[in-house]
């Protein structure tokens, strides 16, 4: 378990961190992968997006557009570019990485094992 320092968190050390991920998805019956860079968005931004998502508003393309960055950590796509240039399988797979679905599943499994 990583031990964090509140002073570092206060200075924003967790926000805007960038991580490299490989996204796998199926397209035209073939397994494909693409390397992406994902920027950690601040709580205020993700909380707003989550609220809108729970209100049945579609936010995936906006969320992806804010999180995917290039090698200089600059936003790479607009919301419109995501909507027009991504296929559903790619968008879903990228969104799972951006939102951290895999990490949530692992955390739930770890919690479940501790409870047993």
C-alpha atoms as a PDB file:
ATOM      1  CA  UNK A   1       0.000   0.000   0.000  1.00  0.00           C
ATOM      2  CA  UNK A   2       1.344   3.419  -0.949  1.00  0.00           C
ATOM      3  CA  UNK A   3       1.701   5.889   1.901  1.00  0.00           C
ATOM      4  CA  UNK A   4       0.850   9.427   0.841  1.00  0.00           C
ATOM      5  CA  UNK A   5       1.682  12.718   2.488  1.00  0.00           C
ATOM      6  CA  UNK A   6      -1.195  15.171   3.040  1.00  0.00           C
ATOM      7  CA  UNK A   7       1.092  18.142   2.356  1.00  0.00           C
ATOM      8  CA  UNK A   8       1.891  16.680  -1.068  1.00  0.00           C
ATOM      9  CA  UNK A   9      -1.798  16.070  -1.740  1.00  0.00           C
ATOM     10  CA  UNK A  10      -2.578  19.632  -0.656  1.00  0.00           C
ATOM     11  CA  UNK A  11      -0.089  20.915  -3.226  1.00  0.00           C
ATOM     12  CA  UNK A  12      -1.885  18.946  -5.956  1.00  0.00           C
ATOM     13  CA  UNK A  13       0.531  16.051  -6.381  1.00  0.00           C
ATOM     14  CA  UNK A  14      -2.213  13.586  -7.343  1.00  0.00           C
ATOM     15  CA  UNK A  15      -3.951  15.813  -9.876  1.00  0.00           C
ATOM     16  CA  UNK A  16      -2.775  15.867 -13.473  1.00  0.00           C
ATOM     17  CA  UNK A  17      -0.525  12.845 -13.052  1.00  0.00           C
ATOM     18  CA  UNK A  18      -0.269  11.027 -16.362  1.00  0.00           C
ATOM     19  CA  UNK A  19      -0.172   7.277 -16.775  1.00  0.00           C
ATOM     20  CA  UNK A  20       0.473   5.210 -19.868  1.00  0.00           C
ATOM     21  CA  UNK A  21      -2.057   2.486 -20.645  1.00  0.00           C
ATOM     22  CA  UNK A  22      -2.705   0.020 -23.427  1.00  0.00           C
ATOM     23  CA  UNK A  23      -6.354  -0.190 -24.412  1.00  0.00           C
ATOM     24  CA  UNK A  24      -7.583  -3.398 -26.011  1.00  0.00           C
ATOM     25  CA  UNK A  25     -10.829  -3.649 -27.982  1.00  0.00           C
ATOM     26  CA  UNK A  26     -12.426  -5.555 -30.853  1.00  0.00           C
ATOM     27  CA  UNK A  27     -12.973  -3.926 -34.235  1.00  0.00           C
ATOM     28  CA  UNK A  28     -14.287  -5.732 -37.327  1.00  0.00           C
ATOM     29  CA  UNK A  29     -13.881  -9.063 -35.557  1.00  0.00           C
ATOM     30  CA  UNK A  30     -10.221  -8.444 -34.778  1.00  0.00           C
ATOM     31  CA  UNK A  31      -8.570  -7.712 -31.450  1.00  0.00           C
ATOM     32  CA  UNK A  32      -6.863  -4.304 -31.575  1.00  0.00           C
ATOM     33  CA  UNK A  33      -4.854  -2.282 -29.104  1.00  0.00           C
ATOM     34  CA  UNK A  34      -3.795   1.324 -28.824  1.00  0.00           C
ATOM     35  CA  UNK A  35      -1.416   3.017 -26.403  1.00  0.00           C
ATOM     36  CA  UNK A  36      -2.861   6.052 -24.636  1.00  0.00           C
ATOM     37  CA  UNK A  37      -1.780   8.572 -22.022  1.00  0.00           C
ATOM     38  CA  UNK A  38      -4.369   9.355 -19.364  1.00  0.00           C
ATOM     39  CA  UNK A  39      -4.263  12.462 -17.197  1.00  0.00           C
ATOM     40  CA  UNK A  40      -5.789  12.248 -13.726  1.00  0.00           C
ATOM     41  CA  UNK A  41      -8.543  14.842 -13.514  1.00  0.00           C
ATOM     42  CA  UNK A  42      -9.244  16.744 -10.275  1.00  0.00           C
ATOM     43  CA  UNK A  43     -12.103  15.651  -8.002  1.00  0.00           C
ATOM     44  CA  UNK A  44     -14.204  18.724  -8.823  1.00  0.00           C
ATOM     45  CA  UNK A  45     -14.197  17.811 -12.502  1.00  0.00           C
ATOM     46  CA  UNK A  46     -14.820  14.092 -12.069  1.00  0.00           C
ATOM     47  CA  UNK A  47     -17.520  14.698  -9.451  1.00  0.00           C
ATOM     48  CA  UNK A  48     -19.373  16.977 -11.873  1.00  0.00           C
ATOM     49  CA  UNK A  49     -19.094  14.397 -14.646  1.00  0.00           C
ATOM     50  CA  UNK A  50     -20.246  11.604 -12.310  1.00  0.00           C
ATOM     51  CA  UNK A  51     -23.282  13.607 -11.205  1.00  0.00           C
ATOM     52  CA  UNK A  52     -24.250  14.262 -14.796  1.00  0.00           C
ATOM     53  CA  UNK A  53     -23.733  10.576 -15.623  1.00  0.00           C
ATOM     54  CA  UNK A  54     -26.001   9.522 -12.738  1.00  0.00           C
ATOM     55  CA  UNK A  55     -28.591  11.995 -14.047  1.00  0.00           C
ATOM     56  CA  UNK A  56     -28.620   9.882 -17.238  1.00  0.00           C
ATOM     57  CA  UNK A  57     -26.586  12.401 -19.238  1.00  0.00           C
ATOM     58  CA  UNK A  58     -24.011  11.041 -21.661  1.00  0.00           C
ATOM     59  CA  UNK A  59     -20.569  12.222 -20.512  1.00  0.00           C
ATOM     60  CA  UNK A  60     -18.170   9.552 -21.787  1.00  0.00           C
ATOM     61  CA  UNK A  61     -16.933  11.486 -24.831  1.00  0.00           C
ATOM     62  CA  UNK A  62     -16.394  14.637 -22.773  1.00  0.00           C
ATOM     63  CA  UNK A  63     -14.603  12.700 -20.030  1.00  0.00           C
ATOM     64  CA  UNK A  64     -12.357  10.923 -22.533  1.00  0.00           C
ATOM     65  CA  UNK A  65     -11.556  14.199 -24.296  1.00  0.00           C
ATOM     66  CA  UNK A  66     -10.451  15.801 -21.033  1.00  0.00           C
ATOM     67  CA  UNK A  67      -8.325  12.825 -19.964  1.00  0.00           C
ATOM     68  CA  UNK A  68      -6.434  11.702 -23.078  1.00  0.00           C
ATOM     69  CA  UNK A  69      -3.208  13.639 -23.550  1.00  0.00           C
ATOM     70  CA  UNK A  70      -0.303  13.604 -25.974  1.00  0.00           C
ATOM     71  CA  UNK A  71       3.397  13.159 -25.216  1.00  0.00           C
ATOM     72  CA  UNK A  72       3.537  16.777 -23.981  1.00  0.00           C
ATOM     73  CA  UNK A  73       0.593  16.159 -21.622  1.00  0.00           C
ATOM     74  CA  UNK A  74      -1.697  18.388 -23.697  1.00  0.00           C
ATOM     75  CA  UNK A  75      -5.307  17.384 -24.375  1.00  0.00           C
ATOM     76  CA  UNK A  76      -5.351  15.378 -27.572  1.00  0.00           C
ATOM     77  CA  UNK A  77      -9.011  15.274 -28.662  1.00  0.00           C
ATOM     78  CA  UNK A  78     -12.082  17.452 -28.508  1.00  0.00           C
ATOM     79  CA  UNK A  79     -15.418  16.000 -27.429  1.00  0.00           C
ATOM     80  CA  UNK A  80     -16.592  16.248 -31.046  1.00  0.00           C
ATOM     81  CA  UNK A  81     -13.508  14.357 -32.302  1.00  0.00           C
ATOM     82  CA  UNK A  82     -14.207  11.540 -29.833  1.00  0.00           C
ATOM     83  CA  UNK A  83     -17.836  11.348 -30.952  1.00  0.00           C
ATOM     84  CA  UNK A  84     -16.976  11.394 -34.658  1.00  0.00           C
ATOM     85  CA  UNK A  85     -13.745   9.355 -34.806  1.00  0.00           C
ATOM     86  CA  UNK A  86     -14.058   6.684 -32.111  1.00  0.00           C
ATOM     87  CA  UNK A  87     -16.119   3.537 -32.558  1.00  0.00           C
ATOM     88  CA  UNK A  88     -18.210   2.309 -29.618  1.00  0.00           C
ATOM     89  CA  UNK A  89     -15.843  -0.532 -28.707  1.00  0.00           C
ATOM     90  CA  UNK A  90     -12.842   1.812 -28.557  1.00  0.00           C
ATOM     91  CA  UNK A  91     -14.715   4.509 -26.640  1.00  0.00           C
ATOM     92  CA  UNK A  92     -15.969   1.980 -24.080  1.00  0.00           C
ATOM     93  CA  UNK A  93     -12.528   0.444 -23.607  1.00  0.00           C
ATOM     94  CA  UNK A  94     -10.866   3.864 -23.247  1.00  0.00           C
ATOM     95  CA  UNK A  95     -13.558   5.052 -20.848  1.00  0.00           C
ATOM     96  CA  UNK A  96     -13.009   1.963 -18.665  1.00  0.00           C
ATOM     97  CA  UNK A  97      -9.312   2.915 -18.410  1.00  0.00           C
ATOM     98  CA  UNK A  98     -10.036   6.615 -17.832  1.00  0.00           C
ATOM     99  CA  UNK A  99     -12.633   5.910 -15.147  1.00  0.00           C
ATOM    100  CA  UNK A 100     -10.503   3.174 -13.594  1.00  0.00           C
ATOM    101  CA  UNK A 101     -13.057   0.388 -13.860  1.00  0.00           C
ATOM    102  CA  UNK A 102     -10.339  -2.245 -13.540  1.00  0.00           C
ATOM    103  CA  UNK A 103      -8.982  -0.611 -10.380  1.00  0.00           C
ATOM    104  CA  UNK A 104     -12.470  -0.429  -8.883  1.00  0.00           C
ATOM    105  CA  UNK A 105     -12.968  -4.153  -9.574  1.00  0.00           C
ATOM    106  CA  UNK A 106      -9.585  -5.002  -8.015  1.00  0.00           C
ATOM    107  CA  UNK A 107     -10.341  -2.885  -4.955  1.00  0.00           C
ATOM    108  CA  UNK A 108     -13.722  -4.584  -4.509  1.00  0.00           C
ATOM    109  CA  UNK A 109     -12.114  -8.035  -4.854  1.00  0.00           C
ATOM    110  CA  UNK A 110      -9.403  -7.144  -2.315  1.00  0.00           C
ATOM    111  CA  UNK A 111     -12.038  -5.833   0.096  1.00  0.00           C
ATOM    112  CA  UNK A 112     -14.100  -8.980  -0.377  1.00  0.00           C
ATOM    113  CA  UNK A 113     -11.069 -11.210   0.340  1.00  0.00           C
ATOM    114  CA  UNK A 114     -10.294  -9.276   3.552  1.00  0.00           C
ATOM    115  CA  UNK A 115     -13.888  -9.693   4.716  1.00  0.00           C
ATOM    116  CA  UNK A 116     -13.728 -13.492   4.232  1.00  0.00           C
END
